[in-house]
């Protein structure tokens, strides 16, 4: 019981540091949790997130791979691994992770949005817009997000894209 309280304190300190803009320091706390419990999913996920925040995508992938070894269908592990590959400019690999989520959660708006981003970087604009439209129908905040997302820069002259992000009506 005492060990669990210690893990919780370490984990919570890591969370506070990560959420207050101290990802490097938060990693130290997540590492301490993982020394005690190497399979602590939340510590692995948060360590991966913190590593991603400082641009260490390959290191973050190690965390997400471990998460997915423990829980093959962990949505956060899958989407974050996909994002790492996206930032590493391996859009095919990113899309393969997004597709794993969409197999069981076809209406996962966040995943559809990120898959649309990867498709845009591949210059597959029609596919990208189709997915983006699905995401926006489920969550209108993606319309605003897409307006400023650099992943869609090559599509700014596409009338269909501009109509979707500028003039969306319910």
C-alpha atoms as a PDB file:
ATOM      1  CA  UNK A   1       0.000   0.000   0.000  1.00  0.00           C
ATOM      2  CA  UNK A   2       2.814   2.407   0.880  1.00  0.00           C
ATOM      3  CA  UNK A   3       4.551   1.655  -2.440  1.00  0.00           C
ATOM      4  CA  UNK A   4       1.345   2.491  -4.350  1.00  0.00           C
ATOM      5  CA  UNK A   5       1.082   5.832  -2.570  1.00  0.00           C
ATOM      6  CA  UNK A   6       4.711   6.521  -3.489  1.00  0.00           C
ATOM      7  CA  UNK A   7       4.042   5.684  -7.135  1.00  0.00           C
ATOM      8  CA  UNK A   8       0.958   7.897  -7.128  1.00  0.00           C
ATOM      9  CA  UNK A   9       2.909  10.831  -5.676  1.00  0.00           C
ATOM     10  CA  UNK A  10       5.706  10.430  -8.219  1.00  0.00           C
ATOM     11  CA  UNK A  11       3.233  10.057 -11.070  1.00  0.00           C
ATOM     12  CA  UNK A  12       1.154  13.064  -9.995  1.00  0.00           C
ATOM     13  CA  UNK A  13       4.275  15.220  -9.670  1.00  0.00           C
ATOM     14  CA  UNK A  14       5.247  14.176 -13.213  1.00  0.00           C
ATOM     15  CA  UNK A  15       1.784  15.096 -14.495  1.00  0.00           C
ATOM     16  CA  UNK A  16       1.906  18.522 -12.856  1.00  0.00           C
ATOM     17  CA  UNK A  17       5.329  19.212 -14.325  1.00  0.00           C
ATOM     18  CA  UNK A  18       4.304  18.030 -17.804  1.00  0.00           C
ATOM     19  CA  UNK A  19       1.130  20.111 -17.769  1.00  0.00           C
ATOM     20  CA  UNK A  20       2.913  23.237 -16.522  1.00  0.00           C
ATOM     21  CA  UNK A  21       5.468  23.262 -19.312  1.00  0.00           C
ATOM     22  CA  UNK A  22       8.282  21.270 -17.731  1.00  0.00           C
ATOM     23  CA  UNK A  23       8.414  18.131 -19.891  1.00  0.00           C
ATOM     24  CA  UNK A  24      12.107  17.392 -19.278  1.00  0.00           C
ATOM     25  CA  UNK A  25      11.661  17.425 -15.523  1.00  0.00           C
ATOM     26  CA  UNK A  26       8.420  15.419 -15.749  1.00  0.00           C
ATOM     27  CA  UNK A  27      10.317  12.626 -17.523  1.00  0.00           C
ATOM     28  CA  UNK A  28      12.469  12.165 -14.415  1.00  0.00           C
ATOM     29  CA  UNK A  29       9.358  11.431 -12.350  1.00  0.00           C
ATOM     30  CA  UNK A  30       7.850   9.108 -14.930  1.00  0.00           C
ATOM     31  CA  UNK A  31      11.181   7.247 -15.026  1.00  0.00           C
ATOM     32  CA  UNK A  32      11.004   6.790 -11.243  1.00  0.00           C
ATOM     33  CA  UNK A  33       7.497   5.345 -11.566  1.00  0.00           C
ATOM     34  CA  UNK A  34       8.691   3.022 -14.335  1.00  0.00           C
ATOM     35  CA  UNK A  35      11.620   1.828 -12.192  1.00  0.00           C
ATOM     36  CA  UNK A  36       9.048   0.610  -9.668  1.00  0.00           C
ATOM     37  CA  UNK A  37       6.474  -0.578 -12.216  1.00  0.00           C
ATOM     38  CA  UNK A  38       7.828  -0.936 -15.785  1.00  0.00           C
ATOM     39  CA  UNK A  39       4.316  -1.646 -17.103  1.00  0.00           C
ATOM     40  CA  UNK A  40       2.651   1.493 -15.701  1.00  0.00           C
ATOM     41  CA  UNK A  41       0.623   2.467 -18.789  1.00  0.00           C
ATOM     42  CA  UNK A  42      -0.115   6.021 -17.710  1.00  0.00           C
ATOM     43  CA  UNK A  43       3.546   6.704 -16.911  1.00  0.00           C
ATOM     44  CA  UNK A  44       4.578   5.271 -20.289  1.00  0.00           C
ATOM     45  CA  UNK A  45       1.978   7.347 -22.129  1.00  0.00           C
ATOM     46  CA  UNK A  46       2.884  10.540 -20.294  1.00  0.00           C
ATOM     47  CA  UNK A  47       6.616   9.983 -20.660  1.00  0.00           C
ATOM     48  CA  UNK A  48       6.044   9.499 -24.394  1.00  0.00           C
ATOM     49  CA  UNK A  49       3.984  12.688 -24.509  1.00  0.00           C
ATOM     50  CA  UNK A  50       6.691  14.646 -22.673  1.00  0.00           C
ATOM     51  CA  UNK A  51       9.375  13.274 -24.997  1.00  0.00           C
ATOM     52  CA  UNK A  52       7.272  14.298 -27.981  1.00  0.00           C
ATOM     53  CA  UNK A  53       6.930  17.821 -26.579  1.00  0.00           C
ATOM     54  CA  UNK A  54      10.715  18.190 -26.654  1.00  0.00           C
ATOM     55  CA  UNK A  55      10.999  16.698 -30.146  1.00  0.00           C
ATOM     56  CA  UNK A  56      12.402  13.303 -29.140  1.00  0.00           C
ATOM     57  CA  UNK A  57       9.966  11.349 -31.282  1.00  0.00           C
ATOM     58  CA  UNK A  58      12.050   8.182 -31.605  1.00  0.00           C
ATOM     59  CA  UNK A  59      12.369   7.998 -27.809  1.00  0.00           C
ATOM     60  CA  UNK A  60       8.651   8.633 -27.458  1.00  0.00           C
ATOM     61  CA  UNK A  61       7.987   5.744 -29.856  1.00  0.00           C
ATOM     62  CA  UNK A  62       9.832   3.415 -27.477  1.00  0.00           C
ATOM     63  CA  UNK A  63       7.275   4.325 -24.810  1.00  0.00           C
ATOM     64  CA  UNK A  64       4.319   3.906 -27.147  1.00  0.00           C
ATOM     65  CA  UNK A  65       5.639   0.583 -28.437  1.00  0.00           C
ATOM     66  CA  UNK A  66       5.776  -0.646 -24.843  1.00  0.00           C
ATOM     67  CA  UNK A  67       2.214   0.561 -24.257  1.00  0.00           C
ATOM     68  CA  UNK A  68       1.078  -1.317 -27.358  1.00  0.00           C
ATOM     69  CA  UNK A  69       2.910  -4.477 -26.267  1.00  0.00           C
ATOM     70  CA  UNK A  70       0.834  -4.387 -23.079  1.00  0.00           C
ATOM     71  CA  UNK A  71      -2.431  -3.236 -24.684  1.00  0.00           C
ATOM     72  CA  UNK A  72      -2.522  -3.694 -28.487  1.00  0.00           C
ATOM     73  CA  UNK A  73      -5.586  -1.502 -28.912  1.00  0.00           C
ATOM     74  CA  UNK A  74      -4.657   1.368 -26.616  1.00  0.00           C
ATOM     75  CA  UNK A  75      -6.058   4.347 -28.508  1.00  0.00           C
ATOM     76  CA  UNK A  76      -3.727   6.889 -26.903  1.00  0.00           C
ATOM     77  CA  UNK A  77      -0.714   4.718 -27.639  1.00  0.00           C
ATOM     78  CA  UNK A  78      -1.818   4.267 -31.243  1.00  0.00           C
ATOM     79  CA  UNK A  79      -2.662   7.890 -31.962  1.00  0.00           C
ATOM     80  CA  UNK A  80       0.475   9.210 -30.276  1.00  0.00           C
ATOM     81  CA  UNK A  81       2.686   6.724 -32.118  1.00  0.00           C
ATOM     82  CA  UNK A  82       0.982   7.878 -35.323  1.00  0.00           C
ATOM     83  CA  UNK A  83       1.709  11.500 -34.451  1.00  0.00           C
ATOM     84  CA  UNK A  84       5.371  10.700 -33.813  1.00  0.00           C
ATOM     85  CA  UNK A  85       5.667   9.108 -37.235  1.00  0.00           C
ATOM     86  CA  UNK A  86       3.815  12.077 -38.732  1.00  0.00           C
ATOM     87  CA  UNK A  87       6.338  14.489 -37.197  1.00  0.00           C
ATOM     88  CA  UNK A  88       9.153  12.245 -38.409  1.00  0.00           C
ATOM     89  CA  UNK A  89       7.648  12.691 -41.924  1.00  0.00           C
ATOM     90  CA  UNK A  90       6.731   8.999 -42.273  1.00  0.00           C
ATOM     91  CA  UNK A  91       3.097   9.564 -43.218  1.00  0.00           C
ATOM     92  CA  UNK A  92       2.516   5.974 -44.387  1.00  0.00           C
ATOM     93  CA  UNK A  93       3.524   4.630 -40.987  1.00  0.00           C
ATOM     94  CA  UNK A  94       1.454   7.304 -39.229  1.00  0.00           C
ATOM     95  CA  UNK A  95      -1.595   6.367 -41.293  1.00  0.00           C
ATOM     96  CA  UNK A  96      -1.116   2.685 -40.456  1.00  0.00           C
ATOM     97  CA  UNK A  97      -1.513   3.555 -36.755  1.00  0.00           C
ATOM     98  CA  UNK A  98      -4.536   5.770 -37.415  1.00  0.00           C
ATOM     99  CA  UNK A  99      -6.115   2.957 -39.443  1.00  0.00           C
ATOM    100  CA  UNK A 100      -5.759   0.585 -36.475  1.00  0.00           C
ATOM    101  CA  UNK A 101      -7.874   2.967 -34.420  1.00  0.00           C
ATOM    102  CA  UNK A 102     -10.414   3.502 -37.191  1.00  0.00           C
ATOM    103  CA  UNK A 103     -10.930  -0.271 -37.546  1.00  0.00           C
ATOM    104  CA  UNK A 104     -12.618  -0.334 -34.148  1.00  0.00           C
ATOM    105  CA  UNK A 105     -13.557   3.346 -33.759  1.00  0.00           C
ATOM    106  CA  UNK A 106     -14.525   4.555 -37.254  1.00  0.00           C
ATOM    107  CA  UNK A 107     -16.027   7.753 -35.867  1.00  0.00           C
ATOM    108  CA  UNK A 108     -12.949   8.808 -33.857  1.00  0.00           C
ATOM    109  CA  UNK A 109     -12.826  12.465 -34.880  1.00  0.00           C
ATOM    110  CA  UNK A 110      -9.308  13.159 -33.597  1.00  0.00           C
ATOM    111  CA  UNK A 111      -7.923  10.220 -35.551  1.00  0.00           C
ATOM    112  CA  UNK A 112      -9.758  11.270 -38.710  1.00  0.00           C
ATOM    113  CA  UNK A 113      -8.321  14.763 -38.345  1.00  0.00           C
ATOM    114  CA  UNK A 114      -4.749  13.515 -37.976  1.00  0.00           C
ATOM    115  CA  UNK A 115      -5.155  11.083 -40.849  1.00  0.00           C
ATOM    116  CA  UNK A 116      -6.404  14.017 -42.954  1.00  0.00           C
ATOM    117  CA  UNK A 117      -3.221  15.903 -42.007  1.00  0.00           C
ATOM    118  CA  UNK A 118      -1.014  13.021 -43.112  1.00  0.00           C
ATOM    119  CA  UNK A 119      -2.957  12.606 -46.360  1.00  0.00           C
ATOM    120  CA  UNK A 120      -2.520  16.333 -47.041  1.00  0.00           C
ATOM    121  CA  UNK A 121       1.245  15.996 -46.658  1.00  0.00           C
ATOM    122  CA  UNK A 122       1.109  13.151 -49.186  1.00  0.00           C
ATOM    123  CA  UNK A 123      -0.697  15.495 -51.609  1.00  0.00           C
ATOM    124  CA  UNK A 124      -3.800  13.276 -51.473  1.00  0.00           C
ATOM    125  CA  UNK A 125      -6.045  16.279 -51.176  1.00  0.00           C
ATOM    126  CA  UNK A 126      -9.433  14.723 -51.977  1.00  0.00           C
ATOM    127  CA  UNK A 127      -8.901  11.952 -49.412  1.00  0.00           C
ATOM    128  CA  UNK A 128      -7.677  14.523 -46.905  1.00  0.00           C
ATOM    129  CA  UNK A 129     -10.715  16.741 -47.386  1.00  0.00           C
ATOM    130  CA  UNK A 130     -13.094  13.766 -47.115  1.00  0.00           C
ATOM    131  CA  UNK A 131     -11.588  12.786 -43.758  1.00  0.00           C
ATOM    132  CA  UNK A 132     -11.424  16.358 -42.540  1.00  0.00           C
ATOM    133  CA  UNK A 133     -15.080  16.811 -43.396  1.00  0.00           C
ATOM    134  CA  UNK A 134     -15.981  13.711 -41.347  1.00  0.00           C
ATOM    135  CA  UNK A 135     -13.953  15.009 -38.391  1.00  0.00           C
ATOM    136  CA  UNK A 136     -15.584  18.444 -38.579  1.00  0.00           C
ATOM    137  CA  UNK A 137     -19.078  16.940 -38.696  1.00  0.00           C
ATOM    138  CA  UNK A 138     -18.302  15.247 -35.372  1.00  0.00           C
ATOM    139  CA  UNK A 139     -16.406  18.130 -33.782  1.00  0.00           C
ATOM    140  CA  UNK A 140     -16.622  21.653 -35.163  1.00  0.00           C
ATOM    141  CA  UNK A 141     -13.407  22.696 -33.390  1.00  0.00           C
ATOM    142  CA  UNK A 142     -11.488  20.879 -36.126  1.00  0.00           C
ATOM    143  CA  UNK A 143     -12.748  23.457 -38.624  1.00  0.00           C
ATOM    144  CA  UNK A 144     -10.939  26.201 -36.729  1.00  0.00           C
ATOM    145  CA  UNK A 145      -7.890  24.032 -36.103  1.00  0.00           C
ATOM    146  CA  UNK A 146      -7.585  23.172 -39.810  1.00  0.00           C
ATOM    147  CA  UNK A 147      -7.588  26.862 -40.766  1.00  0.00           C
ATOM    148  CA  UNK A 148      -4.210  27.382 -39.133  1.00  0.00           C
ATOM    149  CA  UNK A 149      -2.683  23.912 -39.395  1.00  0.00           C
ATOM    150  CA  UNK A 150       0.486  24.005 -41.496  1.00  0.00           C
ATOM    151  CA  UNK A 151      -0.188  20.452 -42.659  1.00  0.00           C
ATOM    152  CA  UNK A 152      -2.902  21.907 -44.879  1.00  0.00           C
ATOM    153  CA  UNK A 153      -0.782  24.712 -46.363  1.00  0.00           C
ATOM    154  CA  UNK A 154      -0.637  23.081 -49.821  1.00  0.00           C
ATOM    155  CA  UNK A 155      -4.442  22.982 -49.866  1.00  0.00           C
ATOM    156  CA  UNK A 156      -5.088  26.682 -49.179  1.00  0.00           C
ATOM    157  CA  UNK A 157      -5.913  27.285 -52.850  1.00  0.00           C
ATOM    158  CA  UNK A 158      -8.267  24.300 -52.996  1.00  0.00           C
ATOM    159  CA  UNK A 159     -11.826  25.671 -53.177  1.00  0.00           C
ATOM    160  CA  UNK A 160     -13.334  22.615 -51.512  1.00  0.00           C
ATOM    161  CA  UNK A 161     -10.928  22.875 -48.568  1.00  0.00           C
ATOM    162  CA  UNK A 162     -11.477  26.612 -48.159  1.00  0.00           C
ATOM    163  CA  UNK A 163     -15.244  26.229 -48.315  1.00  0.00           C
ATOM    164  CA  UNK A 164     -15.071  23.483 -45.689  1.00  0.00           C
ATOM    165  CA  UNK A 165     -12.991  25.444 -43.186  1.00  0.00           C
ATOM    166  CA  UNK A 166     -14.429  28.903 -43.793  1.00  0.00           C
ATOM    167  CA  UNK A 167     -18.141  28.426 -44.404  1.00  0.00           C
ATOM    168  CA  UNK A 168     -19.142  25.306 -42.501  1.00  0.00           C
ATOM    169  CA  UNK A 169     -22.794  25.228 -41.500  1.00  0.00           C
ATOM    170  CA  UNK A 170     -24.344  22.544 -39.310  1.00  0.00           C
END
